[in-house]
Amino acid sequence: MTPADGPAANGLIYRPMTWVEPLRLAELFSRAQPLEVELGSGDGSFLAQCAQAHPATDFLGVERLLGRLRKLERKGRKLSLANLRLMRIEASYFLEYLLPAKSTRALHVYFPDPWPKRKHRKHRLVNERFPELAARILKPSGWVYLRTDDRDYFGQMLEVFAVDKRFAPVATPGELSAVLTDFERNFHARGIVTQSATYQLCEKG
């Protein structure tokens, strides 16, 4: 492994040796634990809280914007979160090409870009292919957790999972709902309603 690969010294941002082959998760974390992934980590407020509260679970945050990623890295280092790693990459590419099959216990997708213009909706992360990709990388009985403030996007989320019979809607655990992102707190302070949904992969996956 070269200095440019893997986590930087005392850092949390991981740079794989190749961007076209599935990750070797053993290189990211010092011990094998259940893995949960947040696609689009934003300011990192959710992921840092979860990693701190659940040291027996590994958390991997994916974010395109370097400034946000470095902010989350500073949080993680300050809290000495050995179970947190970060990657700078587009979430859709990461999901389709880099996450190994049956490797992940849960996917978290909170307040993704809604691409509100009709002609841009093809860019949405949670689209017609998303359930298929999620089913490939999730372990049997794994979860997909979704939140958004955009009513149209939420409707699309419900539609794409409704037609994929590998998933069933389930209640979001109260403990998880209580962990708010900074975006979410801001929305609530402004009186903006947010919506959430959880789907569980069937036992056979």
C-alpha atoms as a PDB file:
ATOM      1  CA  MET A   1       0.000   0.000   0.000  1.00  0.00           C
ATOM      2  CA  THR A   2       1.468   3.337  -1.007  1.00  0.00           C
ATOM      3  CA  PRO A   3       1.241   6.523   1.116  1.00  0.00           C
ATOM      4  CA  ALA A   4      -1.535   7.782  -1.169  1.00  0.00           C
ATOM      5  CA  ASP A   5      -3.659   4.713  -0.527  1.00  0.00           C
ATOM      6  CA  GLY A   6      -5.690   3.677   2.490  1.00  0.00           C
ATOM      7  CA  PRO A   7      -6.419   6.045   5.380  1.00  0.00           C
ATOM      8  CA  ALA A   8      -3.927   8.864   5.730  1.00  0.00           C
ATOM      9  CA  ALA A   9      -1.719   8.701   8.785  1.00  0.00           C
ATOM     10  CA  ASN A  10      -4.030   9.195  11.773  1.00  0.00           C
ATOM     11  CA  GLY A  11      -6.752  10.147   9.288  1.00  0.00           C
ATOM     12  CA  LEU A  12     -10.128   8.722   8.409  1.00  0.00           C
ATOM     13  CA  ILE A  13     -10.390   9.453   4.672  1.00  0.00           C
ATOM     14  CA  TYR A  14      -9.772   6.287   2.671  1.00  0.00           C
ATOM     15  CA  ARG A  15      -8.364   6.283  -0.858  1.00  0.00           C
ATOM     16  CA  PRO A  16      -8.462   2.838  -2.493  1.00  0.00           C
ATOM     17  CA  MET A  17      -5.685   1.543  -4.703  1.00  0.00           C
ATOM     18  CA  THR A  18      -8.229   1.184  -7.513  1.00  0.00           C
ATOM     19  CA  TRP A  19     -11.549   2.897  -8.196  1.00  0.00           C
ATOM     20  CA  VAL A  20     -12.856   0.135 -10.486  1.00  0.00           C
ATOM     21  CA  GLU A  21     -12.829  -2.922  -8.201  1.00  0.00           C
ATOM     22  CA  PRO A  22     -14.842  -3.695  -5.045  1.00  0.00           C
ATOM     23  CA  LEU A  23     -13.378  -2.416  -1.803  1.00  0.00           C
ATOM     24  CA  ARG A  24     -11.317  -4.619   0.441  1.00  0.00           C
ATOM     25  CA  LEU A  25     -13.139  -3.757   3.624  1.00  0.00           C
ATOM     26  CA  ALA A  26     -10.456  -5.374   5.773  1.00  0.00           C
ATOM     27  CA  GLU A  27      -8.153  -2.519   4.742  1.00  0.00           C
ATOM     28  CA  LEU A  28     -10.528   0.131   6.076  1.00  0.00           C
ATOM     29  CA  PHE A  29     -11.151  -1.112   9.594  1.00  0.00           C
ATOM     30  CA  SER A  30      -8.884  -2.766  12.118  1.00  0.00           C
ATOM     31  CA  ARG A  31     -11.447  -5.437  13.047  1.00  0.00           C
ATOM     32  CA  ALA A  32     -14.387  -7.131  11.382  1.00  0.00           C
ATOM     33  CA  GLN A  33     -17.709  -5.682  12.571  1.00  0.00           C
ATOM     34  CA  PRO A  34     -21.135  -5.103  10.995  1.00  0.00           C
ATOM     35  CA  LEU A  35     -20.949  -2.320   8.417  1.00  0.00           C
ATOM     36  CA  GLU A  36     -23.392   0.538   7.845  1.00  0.00           C
ATOM     37  CA  VAL A  37     -22.964   3.058   5.029  1.00  0.00           C
ATOM     38  CA  GLU A  38     -24.264   6.606   4.657  1.00  0.00           C
ATOM     39  CA  LEU A  39     -24.560   7.758   1.052  1.00  0.00           C
ATOM     40  CA  GLY A  40     -24.110  11.519   1.055  1.00  0.00           C
ATOM     41  CA  SER A  41     -22.841  12.287   4.544  1.00  0.00           C
ATOM     42  CA  GLY A  42     -23.303  16.047   4.310  1.00  0.00           C
ATOM     43  CA  ASP A  43     -21.968  17.763   7.412  1.00  0.00           C
ATOM     44  CA  GLY A  44     -21.435  14.400   9.089  1.00  0.00           C
ATOM     45  CA  SER A  45     -23.559  15.148  12.136  1.00  0.00           C
ATOM     46  CA  PHE A  46     -25.579  11.934  11.841  1.00  0.00           C
ATOM     47  CA  LEU A  47     -22.664   9.614  11.156  1.00  0.00           C
ATOM     48  CA  ALA A  48     -20.488  10.975  13.962  1.00  0.00           C
ATOM     49  CA  GLN A  49     -23.303  10.521  16.469  1.00  0.00           C
ATOM     50  CA  CYS A  50     -23.970   6.951  15.361  1.00  0.00           C
ATOM     51  CA  ALA A  51     -20.314   5.928  15.317  1.00  0.00           C
ATOM     52  CA  GLN A  52     -19.835   7.293  18.814  1.00  0.00           C
ATOM     53  CA  ALA A  53     -22.962   5.578  20.162  1.00  0.00           C
ATOM     54  CA  HIS A  54     -22.259   2.199  18.501  1.00  0.00           C
ATOM     55  CA  PRO A  55     -18.555   1.296  18.728  1.00  0.00           C
ATOM     56  CA  ALA A  56     -19.310  -2.354  17.810  1.00  0.00           C
ATOM     57  CA  THR A  57     -20.506  -1.241  14.348  1.00  0.00           C
ATOM     58  CA  ASP A  58     -18.338   0.141  11.551  1.00  0.00           C
ATOM     59  CA  PHE A  59     -19.599   3.212   9.683  1.00  0.00           C
ATOM     60  CA  LEU A  60     -18.505   4.339   6.235  1.00  0.00           C
ATOM     61  CA  GLY A  61     -19.490   7.790   5.022  1.00  0.00           C
ATOM     62  CA  VAL A  62     -19.545   8.707   1.330  1.00  0.00           C
ATOM     63  CA  GLU A  63     -19.514  12.363   0.310  1.00  0.00           C
ATOM     64  CA  ARG A  64     -18.605  14.191  -2.893  1.00  0.00           C
ATOM     65  CA  LEU A  65     -17.642  17.560  -1.372  1.00  0.00           C
ATOM     66  CA  LEU A  66     -14.170  17.584   0.140  1.00  0.00           C
ATOM     67  CA  GLY A  67     -14.902  20.419   2.588  1.00  0.00           C
ATOM     68  CA  ARG A  68     -17.742  18.474   4.178  1.00  0.00           C
ATOM     69  CA  LEU A  69     -15.638  15.335   4.302  1.00  0.00           C
ATOM     70  CA  ARG A  70     -12.791  17.090   6.071  1.00  0.00           C
ATOM     71  CA  LYS A  71     -15.233  18.573   8.579  1.00  0.00           C
ATOM     72  CA  LEU A  72     -16.490  15.089   9.389  1.00  0.00           C
ATOM     73  CA  GLU A  73     -12.944  13.783   9.597  1.00  0.00           C
ATOM     74  CA  ARG A  74     -12.112  16.438  12.197  1.00  0.00           C
ATOM     75  CA  LYS A  75     -15.161  15.385  14.214  1.00  0.00           C
ATOM     76  CA  GLY A  76     -14.181  11.743  14.009  1.00  0.00           C
ATOM     77  CA  ARG A  77     -10.585  12.347  15.037  1.00  0.00           C
ATOM     78  CA  LYS A  78     -11.644  14.567  17.921  1.00  0.00           C
ATOM     79  CA  LEU A  79     -13.909  11.772  19.175  1.00  0.00           C
ATOM     80  CA  SER A  80     -11.296   9.056  18.446  1.00  0.00           C
ATOM     81  CA  LEU A  81     -13.764   7.092  16.326  1.00  0.00           C
ATOM     82  CA  ALA A  82     -11.868   3.984  15.258  1.00  0.00           C
ATOM     83  CA  ASN A  83     -15.062   2.642  13.661  1.00  0.00           C
ATOM     84  CA  LEU A  84     -15.487   5.525  11.192  1.00  0.00           C
ATOM     85  CA  ARG A  85     -14.054   5.810   7.680  1.00  0.00           C
ATOM     86  CA  LEU A  86     -14.817   8.243   4.859  1.00  0.00           C
ATOM     87  CA  MET A  87     -14.559   8.277   1.087  1.00  0.00           C
ATOM     88  CA  ARG A  88     -14.803  11.109  -1.420  1.00  0.00           C
ATOM     89  CA  ILE A  89     -16.780   9.808  -4.377  1.00  0.00           C
ATOM     90  CA  GLU A  90     -20.164  10.043  -6.066  1.00  0.00           C
ATOM     91  CA  ALA A  91     -22.646   7.956  -4.084  1.00  0.00           C
ATOM     92  CA  SER A  92     -24.250   6.325  -7.128  1.00  0.00           C
ATOM     93  CA  TYR A  93     -20.904   5.108  -8.509  1.00  0.00           C
ATOM     94  CA  PHE A  94     -19.818   3.917  -5.071  1.00  0.00           C
ATOM     95  CA  LEU A  95     -23.006   1.914  -4.593  1.00  0.00           C
ATOM     96  CA  GLU A  96     -22.869   0.262  -8.002  1.00  0.00           C
ATOM     97  CA  TYR A  97     -19.180  -0.510  -8.325  1.00  0.00           C
ATOM     98  CA  LEU A  98     -17.274  -0.319  -5.038  1.00  0.00           C
ATOM     99  CA  LEU A  99     -19.385  -1.863  -2.272  1.00  0.00           C
ATOM    100  CA  PRO A 100     -18.892  -5.651  -2.224  1.00  0.00           C
ATOM    101  CA  ALA A 101     -21.928  -7.879  -2.542  1.00  0.00           C
ATOM    102  CA  LYS A 102     -23.663  -8.834   0.719  1.00  0.00           C
ATOM    103  CA  SER A 103     -21.248  -6.677   2.713  1.00  0.00           C
ATOM    104  CA  THR A 104     -23.502  -4.116   4.358  1.00  0.00           C
ATOM    105  CA  ARG A 105     -26.066  -4.261   7.152  1.00  0.00           C
ATOM    106  CA  ALA A 106     -27.711  -0.906   6.444  1.00  0.00           C
ATOM    107  CA  LEU A 107     -27.765   1.958   3.978  1.00  0.00           C
ATOM    108  CA  HIS A 108     -28.594   5.466   5.203  1.00  0.00           C
ATOM    109  CA  VAL A 109     -29.730   8.067   2.662  1.00  0.00           C
ATOM    110  CA  TYR A 110     -30.683  11.351   4.311  1.00  0.00           C
ATOM    111  CA  PHE A 111     -31.736  14.479   2.440  1.00  0.00           C
ATOM    112  CA  PRO A 112     -30.150  13.677  -0.925  1.00  0.00           C
ATOM    113  CA  ASP A 113     -30.201  16.336  -3.627  1.00  0.00           C
ATOM    114  CA  PRO A 114     -33.860  16.379  -4.793  1.00  0.00           C
ATOM    115  CA  TRP A 115     -33.110  17.581  -8.336  1.00  0.00           C
ATOM    116  CA  PRO A 116     -36.539  19.264  -8.382  1.00  0.00           C
ATOM    117  CA  LYS A 117     -36.682  20.123 -12.098  1.00  0.00           C
ATOM    118  CA  ARG A 118     -38.382  17.351 -14.047  1.00  0.00           C
ATOM    119  CA  LYS A 119     -35.621  17.192 -16.664  1.00  0.00           C
ATOM    120  CA  HIS A 120     -33.030  16.656 -13.909  1.00  0.00           C
ATOM    121  CA  ARG A 121     -34.813  13.883 -11.981  1.00  0.00           C
ATOM    122  CA  LYS A 122     -32.734  11.261 -13.764  1.00  0.00           C
ATOM    123  CA  HIS A 123     -29.869  12.384 -11.525  1.00  0.00           C
ATOM    124  CA  ARG A 124     -31.635  11.411  -8.307  1.00  0.00           C
ATOM    125  CA  LEU A 125     -29.801   8.824  -6.231  1.00  0.00           C
ATOM    126  CA  VAL A 126     -32.948   6.914  -5.233  1.00  0.00           C
ATOM    127  CA  ASN A 127     -34.245   6.005  -8.673  1.00  0.00           C
ATOM    128  CA  GLU A 128     -35.680   2.912 -10.364  1.00  0.00           C
ATOM    129  CA  ARG A 129     -32.366   1.033 -10.108  1.00  0.00           C
ATOM    130  CA  PHE A 130     -31.641   1.893  -6.501  1.00  0.00           C
ATOM    131  CA  PRO A 131     -33.531  -1.041  -4.894  1.00  0.00           C
ATOM    132  CA  GLU A 132     -31.753  -3.500  -7.188  1.00  0.00           C
ATOM    133  CA  LEU A 133     -28.345  -2.089  -6.255  1.00  0.00           C
ATOM    134  CA  ALA A 134     -29.243  -1.994  -2.566  1.00  0.00           C
ATOM    135  CA  ALA A 135     -30.389  -5.627  -2.655  1.00  0.00           C
ATOM    136  CA  ARG A 136     -27.033  -6.653  -4.124  1.00  0.00           C
ATOM    137  CA  ILE A 137     -24.856  -5.122  -1.427  1.00  0.00           C
ATOM    138  CA  LEU A 138     -27.080  -5.669   1.615  1.00  0.00           C
ATOM    139  CA  LYS A 139     -26.845  -8.695   3.839  1.00  0.00           C
ATOM    140  CA  PRO A 140     -30.081 -10.701   4.169  1.00  0.00           C
ATOM    141  CA  SER A 141     -32.575  -8.782   6.330  1.00  0.00           C
ATOM    142  CA  GLY A 142     -30.543  -5.584   5.854  1.00  0.00           C
ATOM    143  CA  TRP A 143     -32.158  -2.147   5.939  1.00  0.00           C
ATOM    144  CA  VAL A 144     -32.451   0.966   3.814  1.00  0.00           C
ATOM    145  CA  TYR A 145     -33.205   4.134   5.784  1.00  0.00           C
ATOM    146  CA  LEU A 146     -34.493   7.161   3.872  1.00  0.00           C
ATOM    147  CA  ARG A 147     -35.259  10.784   4.826  1.00  0.00           C
ATOM    148  CA  THR A 148     -36.095  13.834   2.743  1.00  0.00           C
ATOM    149  CA  ASP A 149     -37.837  17.180   2.932  1.00  0.00           C
ATOM    150  CA  ASP A 150     -38.966  17.013  -0.710  1.00  0.00           C
ATOM    151  CA  ARG A 151     -42.499  15.619  -1.103  1.00  0.00           C
ATOM    152  CA  ASP A 152     -42.093  14.709  -4.759  1.00  0.00           C
ATOM    153  CA  TYR A 153     -38.827  12.881  -4.122  1.00  0.00           C
ATOM    154  CA  PHE A 154     -40.363  11.064  -1.164  1.00  0.00           C
ATOM    155  CA  GLY A 155     -43.167   9.880  -3.406  1.00  0.00           C
ATOM    156  CA  GLN A 156     -40.608   8.556  -5.874  1.00  0.00           C
ATOM    157  CA  MET A 157     -38.770   6.747  -3.067  1.00  0.00           C
ATOM    158  CA  LEU A 158     -41.987   5.008  -2.035  1.00  0.00           C
ATOM    159  CA  GLU A 159     -42.826   4.080  -5.629  1.00  0.00           C
ATOM    160  CA  VAL A 160     -39.508   2.462  -6.518  1.00  0.00           C
ATOM    161  CA  PHE A 161     -39.487   0.324  -3.386  1.00  0.00           C
ATOM    162  CA  ALA A 162     -43.160  -0.594  -3.716  1.00  0.00           C
ATOM    163  CA  VAL A 163     -42.503  -2.407  -7.005  1.00  0.00           C
ATOM    164  CA  ASP A 164     -39.464  -4.333  -5.733  1.00  0.00           C
ATOM    165  CA  LYS A 165     -40.821  -7.325  -3.830  1.00  0.00           C
ATOM    166  CA  ARG A 166     -37.450  -8.069  -2.284  1.00  0.00           C
ATOM    167  CA  PHE A 167     -38.116  -5.230   0.167  1.00  0.00           C
ATOM    168  CA  ALA A 168     -40.844  -4.694   2.727  1.00  0.00           C
ATOM    169  CA  PRO A 169     -41.670  -1.417   4.508  1.00  0.00           C
ATOM    170  CA  VAL A 170     -40.984  -1.516   8.246  1.00  0.00           C
ATOM    171  CA  ALA A 171     -41.093   0.990  11.089  1.00  0.00           C
ATOM    172  CA  THR A 172     -38.026   3.143  11.656  1.00  0.00           C
ATOM    173  CA  PRO A 173     -36.538   2.421  15.104  1.00  0.00           C
ATOM    174  CA  GLY A 174     -37.230   5.260  17.508  1.00  0.00           C
ATOM    175  CA  GLU A 175     -33.592   5.361  18.577  1.00  0.00           C
ATOM    176  CA  LEU A 176     -32.560   6.015  14.982  1.00  0.00           C
ATOM    177  CA  SER A 177     -35.269   8.612  14.348  1.00  0.00           C
ATOM    178  CA  ALA A 178     -33.992  10.558  17.345  1.00  0.00           C
ATOM    179  CA  VAL A 179     -30.579  11.034  15.711  1.00  0.00           C
ATOM    180  CA  LEU A 180     -31.030  14.170  13.627  1.00  0.00           C
ATOM    181  CA  THR A 181     -28.742  15.637  11.013  1.00  0.00           C
ATOM    182  CA  ASP A 182     -27.928  19.336  11.136  1.00  0.00           C
ATOM    183  CA  PHE A 183     -29.968  19.738   7.943  1.00  0.00           C
ATOM    184  CA  GLU A 184     -32.922  18.157   9.702  1.00  0.00           C
ATOM    185  CA  ARG A 185     -32.655  20.407  12.741  1.00  0.00           C
ATOM    186  CA  ASN A 186     -32.581  23.394  10.431  1.00  0.00           C
ATOM    187  CA  PHE A 187     -35.663  22.219   8.570  1.00  0.00           C
ATOM    188  CA  HIS A 188     -37.561  21.646  11.810  1.00  0.00           C
ATOM    189  CA  ALA A 189     -36.576  25.080  13.120  1.00  0.00           C
ATOM    190  CA  ARG A 190     -38.051  26.608   9.948  1.00  0.00           C
ATOM    191  CA  GLY A 191     -41.233  24.572  10.203  1.00  0.00           C
ATOM    192  CA  ILE A 192     -40.398  22.391   7.205  1.00  0.00           C
ATOM    193  CA  VAL A 193     -41.842  18.882   7.425  1.00  0.00           C
ATOM    194  CA  THR A 194     -39.430  16.007   6.816  1.00  0.00           C
ATOM    195  CA  GLN A 195     -40.463  12.502   5.856  1.00  0.00           C
ATOM    196  CA  SER A 196     -38.818   9.143   6.418  1.00  0.00           C
ATOM    197  CA  ALA A 197     -39.206   5.521   5.374  1.00  0.00           C
ATOM    198  CA  THR A 198     -37.442   2.256   6.139  1.00  0.00           C
ATOM    199  CA  TYR A 199     -37.286  -0.871   3.998  1.00  0.00           C
ATOM    200  CA  GLN A 200     -35.980  -4.288   4.958  1.00  0.00           C
ATOM    201  CA  LEU A 201     -34.560  -6.823   2.548  1.00  0.00           C
ATOM    202  CA  CYS A 202     -36.248 -10.195   2.707  1.00  0.00           C
ATOM    203  CA  GLU A 203     -34.373 -13.003   4.440  1.00  0.00           C
ATOM    204  CA  LYS A 204     -33.072 -14.594   1.233  1.00  0.00           C
ATOM    205  CA  GLY A 205     -31.857 -11.252  -0.147  1.00  0.00           C
END
